[in-house]
């Protein structure tokens, strides 16, 4: 019998969809055509205005109106305020949610977004009492309170801190499993060494710094690359920048004469190989990128974070000794230079990253979801 799984995501940032796609890939590997997966953004595809504009508003909100984002974050962390907002929104959007579930029937509904982990799932269970519900927490230590609903059949925690918070919020301990953060199955494949990865990608055999700026090419990437170029041309190194969908940033990097090799990429699906080719990573503190870097034993310099849901990611990386937080481009370049000059330092970081990594998390979570089916 074919089973259907509905993943509830929102394209507020790229990490939620990436997690759902990794889990869908894992379920297909385990079950083939016996499991059919739908990935739906209820905000963009079904919600009434203005909630249907939430994915488009997310980046301008955090980039230009950080104070407003902080206010909304604090509101969501207050239990009474969150319950009122959840219940009002559920009533307001009930007709649209009914349409969603009619068009995407499922045996199992899986939320990979905090705003979709209570009201939509509760509404679905009210209309279809036999459905199973699961939440996959795709944040690290500062995962917001709204992730945790005691009514779910399974809550997958990304780390120990999230598992503890879920139990404290009333999720029955037997329903909480600490299985990591789902990343693509390619990160679990037998790794290639750095020299082979560089050769396959057409890179020079040089120390390599990978700079990632998220799917939208966010942050002071130009300033970071300028600082790296000034610090790393003697002895020679090279810089690779994944610009995502920021075509203007890619053109600017490709057009400028640099004192060292700089490779500017747009959106690429080959991130595992680029990470394997690198000696260290400079990135914003997105949880998915951190999990991917850990799977590749890659030392990290965190250049920025979103106040609220990414605050704990910085402490997670630093407390586990797998990277540092440096917001200033000059300090980033100095840290990278010191790491490249000290192989024993980066080797020790790689060992700690290997211990912390969960490259098979997507398959482990898919097996837990299969038990619900």
Protein backbone atom coordinates (compact mmCIF):
# COMPACT_ATOMS: atom_id res chain seq x y z
CA UNK A 1 0.00 0.00 0.00
CA UNK A 2 1.31 3.46 -0.95
CA UNK A 3 1.75 5.85 1.96
CA UNK A 4 1.74 9.64 1.63
CA UNK A 5 3.89 12.05 3.63
CA UNK A 6 3.17 15.78 3.69
CA UNK A 7 6.09 18.04 4.59
CA UNK A 8 5.04 21.49 5.85
CA UNK A 9 7.74 24.06 5.12
CA UNK A 10 8.17 27.76 4.52
CA UNK A 11 10.69 29.39 2.23
CA UNK A 12 11.73 31.87 4.92
CA UNK A 13 15.37 31.11 4.22
CA UNK A 14 16.39 28.02 2.30
CA UNK A 15 17.09 25.64 5.18
CA UNK A 16 13.55 24.38 5.82
CA UNK A 17 12.98 23.25 2.24
CA UNK A 18 16.47 21.71 2.12
CA UNK A 19 15.68 19.65 5.24
CA UNK A 20 12.39 18.42 3.78
CA UNK A 21 14.08 17.52 0.49
CA UNK A 22 16.77 15.58 2.36
CA UNK A 23 14.10 13.61 4.25
CA UNK A 24 12.08 12.96 1.10
CA UNK A 25 15.25 11.69 -0.58
CA UNK A 26 15.93 9.38 2.38
CA UNK A 27 12.36 8.03 2.40
CA UNK A 28 12.57 7.33 -1.31
CA UNK A 29 15.84 5.46 -0.80
CA UNK A 30 14.25 3.34 1.94
CA UNK A 31 10.87 2.69 0.33
CA UNK A 32 10.95 3.63 -3.34
CA UNK A 33 7.48 4.27 -4.78
CA UNK A 34 5.75 2.87 -1.69
CA UNK A 35 6.06 6.32 -0.10
CA UNK A 36 4.99 9.51 -1.90
CA UNK A 37 6.22 12.82 -0.48
CA UNK A 38 4.65 16.25 -0.96
CA UNK A 39 6.54 19.40 0.09
CA UNK A 40 4.18 22.34 0.58
CA UNK A 41 4.65 25.93 1.76
CA UNK A 42 1.28 26.70 3.43
CA UNK A 43 2.09 30.40 3.70
CA UNK A 44 2.98 31.06 0.06
CA UNK A 45 0.58 28.56 -1.51
CA UNK A 46 -2.53 28.67 0.68
CA UNK A 47 -2.61 31.41 3.32
CA UNK A 48 -4.75 34.53 3.22
CA UNK A 49 -3.07 37.91 2.76
CA UNK A 50 -0.77 39.06 4.34
CA UNK A 51 0.52 35.67 5.56
CA UNK A 52 0.93 34.56 1.95
CA UNK A 53 3.65 37.24 1.64
CA UNK A 54 5.66 35.93 4.59
CA UNK A 55 8.39 34.17 2.53
CA UNK A 56 9.00 37.33 0.47
CA UNK A 57 9.04 39.54 3.57
CA UNK A 58 11.47 37.43 5.61
CA UNK A 59 14.79 38.59 4.15
CA UNK A 60 13.91 42.32 4.08
CA UNK A 61 12.66 41.99 7.65
CA UNK A 62 15.85 40.51 9.10
CA UNK A 63 18.17 42.62 6.91
CA UNK A 64 16.53 46.05 7.29
CA UNK A 65 14.26 45.87 10.31
CA UNK A 66 16.16 43.79 12.81
CA UNK A 67 14.49 45.57 15.73
CA UNK A 68 11.06 44.48 14.48
CA UNK A 69 12.25 40.89 14.02
CA UNK A 70 13.55 40.93 17.60
CA UNK A 71 10.20 42.18 18.87
CA UNK A 72 8.35 39.41 17.02
CA UNK A 73 10.83 36.85 18.29
CA UNK A 74 10.31 37.89 21.92
CA UNK A 75 6.55 37.80 21.44
CA UNK A 76 6.79 34.25 20.13
CA UNK A 77 8.87 33.19 23.14
CA UNK A 78 6.18 34.34 25.59
CA UNK A 79 3.88 31.32 26.13
CA UNK A 80 0.60 33.21 26.58
CA UNK A 81 1.24 35.51 23.60
CA UNK A 82 2.18 32.59 21.39
CA UNK A 83 -0.93 30.60 22.32
CA UNK A 84 -3.20 33.54 21.51
CA UNK A 85 -1.44 34.19 18.19
CA UNK A 86 -1.57 30.48 17.32
CA UNK A 87 -5.28 30.08 18.06
CA UNK A 88 -6.34 33.30 16.33
CA UNK A 89 -4.30 32.44 13.25
CA UNK A 90 -5.70 28.89 13.17
CA UNK A 91 -9.27 30.20 13.17
CA UNK A 92 -8.47 32.89 10.60
CA UNK A 93 -6.76 30.46 8.19
CA UNK A 94 -9.02 27.43 8.79
CA UNK A 95 -10.67 27.45 5.36
CA UNK A 96 -7.34 27.70 3.56
CA UNK A 97 -5.85 24.90 5.65
CA UNK A 98 -8.86 22.72 4.85
CA UNK A 99 -8.17 23.29 1.15
CA UNK A 100 -4.50 22.44 1.62
CA UNK A 101 -5.25 19.12 3.28
CA UNK A 102 -7.94 18.24 0.76
CA UNK A 103 -5.46 18.75 -2.07
CA UNK A 104 -2.61 16.96 -0.28
CA UNK A 105 -4.04 13.96 1.56
CA UNK A 106 -1.50 12.28 3.82
CA UNK A 107 -0.94 9.48 6.29
CA UNK A 108 1.78 11.48 8.04
CA UNK A 109 2.25 15.26 8.33
CA UNK A 110 5.78 16.46 9.11
CA UNK A 111 6.57 20.03 10.12
CA UNK A 112 10.07 21.36 9.50
CA UNK A 113 9.21 24.97 10.41
CA UNK A 114 8.39 26.34 13.88
CA UNK A 115 5.33 28.31 12.76
CA UNK A 116 3.85 25.15 11.24
CA UNK A 117 4.42 22.82 14.17
CA UNK A 118 1.20 23.44 16.08
CA UNK A 119 -1.82 25.13 14.46
CA UNK A 120 -1.78 23.41 11.02
CA UNK A 121 -1.05 19.99 12.48
CA UNK A 122 -3.75 20.32 15.14
CA UNK A 123 -6.24 21.40 12.48
CA UNK A 124 -5.32 18.43 10.34
CA UNK A 125 -5.78 15.99 13.22
CA UNK A 126 -9.21 17.53 13.97
CA UNK A 127 -10.31 16.81 10.39
CA UNK A 128 -8.48 13.49 10.04
CA UNK A 129 -8.15 11.88 13.51
CA UNK A 130 -6.04 8.93 12.36
CA UNK A 131 -3.21 10.95 10.84
CA UNK A 132 0.23 10.77 12.47
CA UNK A 133 2.13 13.98 13.25
CA UNK A 134 5.87 14.61 13.46
CA UNK A 135 8.05 17.66 14.00
CA UNK A 136 11.67 17.85 12.83
CA UNK A 137 13.42 20.69 14.66
CA UNK A 138 15.75 22.32 12.13
CA UNK A 139 17.25 24.81 14.59
CA UNK A 140 20.04 24.20 17.08
CA UNK A 141 20.33 25.33 20.69
CA UNK A 142 18.17 28.47 20.40
CA UNK A 143 15.21 26.71 18.78
CA UNK A 144 12.11 28.80 19.59
CA UNK A 145 9.40 27.63 21.97
CA UNK A 146 6.84 27.35 19.18
CA UNK A 147 8.56 24.21 17.87
CA UNK A 148 7.33 22.13 20.80
CA UNK A 149 3.81 20.67 20.79
CA UNK A 150 3.06 17.84 23.25
CA UNK A 151 0.43 16.48 20.84
CA UNK A 152 2.91 15.25 18.20
CA UNK A 153 3.64 11.54 17.80
CA UNK A 154 7.34 12.21 17.21
CA UNK A 155 9.64 15.16 17.79
CA UNK A 156 13.13 14.86 16.34
CA UNK A 157 15.66 17.02 18.18
CA UNK A 158 18.73 18.33 16.38
CA UNK A 159 20.93 18.27 19.49
CA UNK A 160 20.88 17.55 23.23
CA UNK A 161 19.82 21.09 24.11
CA UNK A 162 16.74 20.87 21.87
CA UNK A 163 15.79 17.46 23.28
CA UNK A 164 15.96 18.89 26.80
CA UNK A 165 13.86 21.93 25.82
CA UNK A 166 11.24 19.71 24.15
CA UNK A 167 10.80 17.58 27.27
CA UNK A 168 10.63 20.72 29.44
CA UNK A 169 7.86 22.05 27.15
CA UNK A 170 5.77 18.95 27.83
CA UNK A 171 6.56 16.67 24.90
CA UNK A 172 6.48 13.12 26.36
CA UNK A 173 10.08 11.84 26.63
CA UNK A 174 9.23 8.65 24.73
CA UNK A 175 8.26 10.77 21.72
CA UNK A 176 11.51 12.79 21.65
CA UNK A 177 14.39 11.37 19.62
CA UNK A 178 17.75 13.12 19.28
CA UNK A 179 18.75 12.20 15.72
CA UNK A 180 20.47 15.33 14.38
CA UNK A 181 19.59 17.78 11.64
CA UNK A 182 18.74 16.26 8.23
CA UNK A 183 21.16 17.03 5.42
CA UNK A 184 21.43 15.59 1.91
CA UNK A 185 22.53 11.97 1.58
CA UNK A 186 25.55 13.06 -0.46
CA UNK A 187 27.16 14.25 2.78
CA UNK A 188 27.08 10.65 4.07
CA UNK A 189 28.90 9.21 1.06
CA UNK A 190 32.50 8.01 1.36
CA UNK A 191 34.47 11.27 1.41
CA UNK A 192 37.15 12.14 -1.13
CA UNK A 193 40.36 13.71 0.15
CA UNK A 194 41.06 17.38 -0.34
CA UNK A 195 43.52 16.96 -3.21
CA UNK A 196 41.16 14.73 -5.19
CA UNK A 197 38.24 17.09 -4.59
CA UNK A 198 40.28 20.06 -5.79
CA UNK A 199 41.36 18.16 -8.91
CA UNK A 200 37.78 17.13 -9.71
CA UNK A 201 36.62 20.74 -9.39
CA UNK A 202 39.46 22.17 -11.47
CA UNK A 203 40.98 24.07 -8.56
CA UNK A 204 44.67 24.72 -8.05
CA UNK A 205 46.43 22.60 -5.43
CA UNK A 206 46.45 25.43 -2.88
CA UNK A 207 45.08 26.05 0.62
CA UNK A 208 41.41 26.83 -0.01
CA UNK A 209 38.92 29.02 1.83
CA UNK A 210 35.24 28.46 1.07
CA UNK A 211 32.91 31.43 1.63
CA UNK A 212 29.17 30.75 1.74
CA UNK A 213 26.50 33.41 2.05
CA UNK A 214 23.25 31.47 2.02
CA UNK A 215 20.88 30.94 -0.87
CA UNK A 216 20.36 34.69 -1.30
CA UNK A 217 24.03 35.73 -1.08
CA UNK A 218 23.56 37.68 2.15
CA UNK A 219 26.05 39.57 4.28
CA UNK A 220 29.26 41.58 3.72
CA UNK A 221 30.75 39.05 1.29
CA UNK A 222 32.64 41.66 -0.74
CA UNK A 223 34.38 43.00 2.34
CA UNK A 224 35.21 39.47 3.55
CA UNK A 225 36.74 38.45 0.21
CA UNK A 226 38.69 41.75 0.06
CA UNK A 227 40.13 41.05 3.50
CA UNK A 228 40.98 37.44 2.64
CA UNK A 229 42.67 38.52 -0.59
CA UNK A 230 44.83 40.98 1.32
CA UNK A 231 45.85 38.44 3.93
CA UNK A 232 46.31 35.23 1.96
CA UNK A 233 48.20 36.04 -1.26
CA UNK A 234 51.58 35.46 0.41
CA UNK A 235 51.99 32.53 0.91
CA UNK A 236 49.48 31.82 -1.85
CA UNK A 237 46.00 30.47 -1.20
CA UNK A 238 42.68 30.57 -3.06
CA UNK A 239 39.12 31.59 -2.25
CA UNK A 240 35.88 30.01 -3.48
CA UNK A 241 32.63 31.95 -2.98
CA UNK A 242 29.19 30.36 -3.36
CA UNK A 243 26.91 33.32 -4.09
CA UNK A 244 23.61 31.43 -4.31
CA UNK A 245 21.02 33.39 -6.25
CA UNK A 246 22.91 36.70 -5.88
CA UNK A 247 23.96 37.08 -9.52
CA UNK A 248 25.18 40.65 -8.99
CA UNK A 249 27.62 39.50 -6.30
CA UNK A 250 28.88 36.71 -8.54
CA UNK A 251 29.47 39.15 -11.43
CA UNK A 252 31.29 41.60 -9.16
CA UNK A 253 33.61 38.93 -7.79
CA UNK A 254 34.31 37.50 -11.23
CA UNK A 255 35.10 40.89 -12.77
CA UNK A 256 37.58 42.18 -10.18
CA UNK A 257 41.33 41.53 -10.51
CA UNK A 258 42.48 39.67 -7.42
CA UNK A 259 45.99 39.00 -6.11
CA UNK A 260 45.05 35.33 -5.64
CA UNK A 261 42.67 32.90 -7.37
CA UNK A 262 39.02 33.68 -6.60
CA UNK A 263 36.28 31.39 -7.92
CA UNK A 264 32.75 32.83 -7.82
CA UNK A 265 29.90 30.35 -8.12
CA UNK A 266 26.16 30.85 -8.34
CA UNK A 267 23.69 28.33 -6.98
CA UNK A 268 25.30 24.88 -6.93
CA UNK A 269 24.08 21.44 -5.94
CA UNK A 270 27.65 20.18 -5.49
CA UNK A 271 28.25 21.70 -2.07
CA UNK A 272 29.58 18.46 -0.51
CA UNK A 273 32.48 18.33 -2.98
CA UNK A 274 33.29 22.03 -2.59
CA UNK A 275 33.36 21.56 1.19
CA UNK A 276 35.66 18.55 0.80
CA UNK A 277 38.01 20.69 -1.30
CA UNK A 278 38.29 23.41 1.36
CA UNK A 279 40.57 23.87 4.35
CA UNK A 280 38.08 26.05 6.20
CA UNK A 281 34.68 27.70 5.79
CA UNK A 282 33.49 31.27 6.31
CA UNK A 283 29.69 31.39 6.62
CA UNK A 284 26.71 32.90 8.37
CA UNK A 285 25.49 30.76 11.26
CA UNK A 286 22.72 28.85 9.49
CA UNK A 287 22.03 25.50 11.17
CA UNK A 288 21.95 23.52 7.92
CA UNK A 289 25.31 24.86 6.78
CA UNK A 290 26.79 24.12 10.21
CA UNK A 291 25.52 20.51 10.03
CA UNK A 292 26.95 20.14 6.51
CA UNK A 293 30.32 21.55 7.55
CA UNK A 294 30.48 19.15 10.49
CA UNK A 295 29.76 16.25 8.12
CA UNK A 296 32.79 17.36 6.07
CA UNK A 297 35.05 17.92 9.13
CA UNK A 298 35.37 21.55 8.07
CA UNK A 299 36.56 24.26 10.53
CA UNK A 300 34.18 27.24 10.54
CA UNK A 301 34.42 30.98 10.97
CA UNK A 302 30.91 32.29 11.60
CA UNK A 303 30.66 35.79 10.15
CA UNK A 304 27.08 36.68 11.16
CA UNK A 305 23.85 35.30 12.61
CA UNK A 306 20.17 36.18 12.76
CA UNK A 307 19.34 37.40 16.26
CA UNK A 308 16.91 34.97 17.82
CA UNK A 309 16.85 31.60 16.11
CA UNK A 310 20.56 31.62 15.16
CA UNK A 311 21.98 33.09 18.37
CA UNK A 312 22.51 29.68 19.93
CA UNK A 313 24.24 28.38 16.81
CA UNK A 314 27.24 30.55 17.60
CA UNK A 315 27.59 29.19 21.13
CA UNK A 316 27.03 25.65 19.82
CA UNK A 317 29.96 25.95 17.41
CA UNK A 318 32.28 27.68 19.87
CA UNK A 319 31.47 25.51 22.88
CA UNK A 320 32.14 22.36 20.89
CA UNK A 321 35.43 23.77 19.58
CA UNK A 322 34.58 23.39 15.89
CA UNK A 323 34.82 27.06 14.93
CA UNK A 324 34.76 30.69 16.05
CA UNK A 325 32.57 33.75 15.63
CA UNK A 326 34.28 36.74 14.00
CA UNK A 327 31.99 39.46 12.56
CA UNK A 328 34.73 41.78 11.29
CA UNK A 329 36.27 41.01 7.87
CA UNK A 330 39.80 41.82 9.07
CA UNK A 331 39.45 39.50 12.06
CA UNK A 332 38.02 36.78 9.79
CA UNK A 333 41.04 37.04 7.49
CA UNK A 334 43.47 36.98 10.44
CA UNK A 335 41.80 33.86 11.86
CA UNK A 336 41.88 32.07 8.52
CA UNK A 337 45.53 33.00 7.98
CA UNK A 338 46.48 31.66 11.40
CA UNK A 339 44.59 28.41 10.75
CA UNK A 340 46.27 27.86 7.37
CA UNK A 341 49.66 28.45 9.00
CA UNK A 342 48.90 25.98 11.79
CA UNK A 343 47.81 22.57 10.42
CA UNK A 344 47.79 21.07 13.91
CA UNK A 345 45.07 23.56 14.94
CA UNK A 346 42.79 22.71 12.04
CA UNK A 347 43.47 18.98 12.47
CA UNK A 348 42.26 19.20 16.09
CA UNK A 349 39.13 21.08 14.96
CA UNK A 350 38.45 18.46 12.30
CA UNK A 351 38.66 15.68 14.89
CA UNK A 352 36.11 17.44 17.11
CA UNK A 353 33.84 18.11 14.11
CA UNK A 354 33.95 14.44 13.14
CA UNK A 355 32.78 13.44 16.63
CA UNK A 356 29.89 15.92 16.52
CA UNK A 357 28.75 15.26 12.94
CA UNK A 358 25.56 13.37 12.05
CA UNK A 359 25.99 12.77 8.29
CA UNK A 360 23.38 9.96 8.31
CA UNK A 361 20.75 12.04 10.15
CA UNK A 362 18.33 12.10 7.20
CA UNK A 363 18.27 8.30 6.99
CA UNK A 364 17.98 7.91 10.76
CA UNK A 365 15.03 10.34 10.83
CA UNK A 366 13.44 8.69 7.80
CA UNK A 367 13.49 5.35 9.65
CA UNK A 368 11.78 6.97 12.64
CA UNK A 369 9.13 8.45 10.32
CA UNK A 370 8.71 5.04 8.72
CA UNK A 371 7.81 3.61 12.13
CA UNK A 372 4.91 6.08 12.30
CA UNK A 373 3.71 4.91 8.88
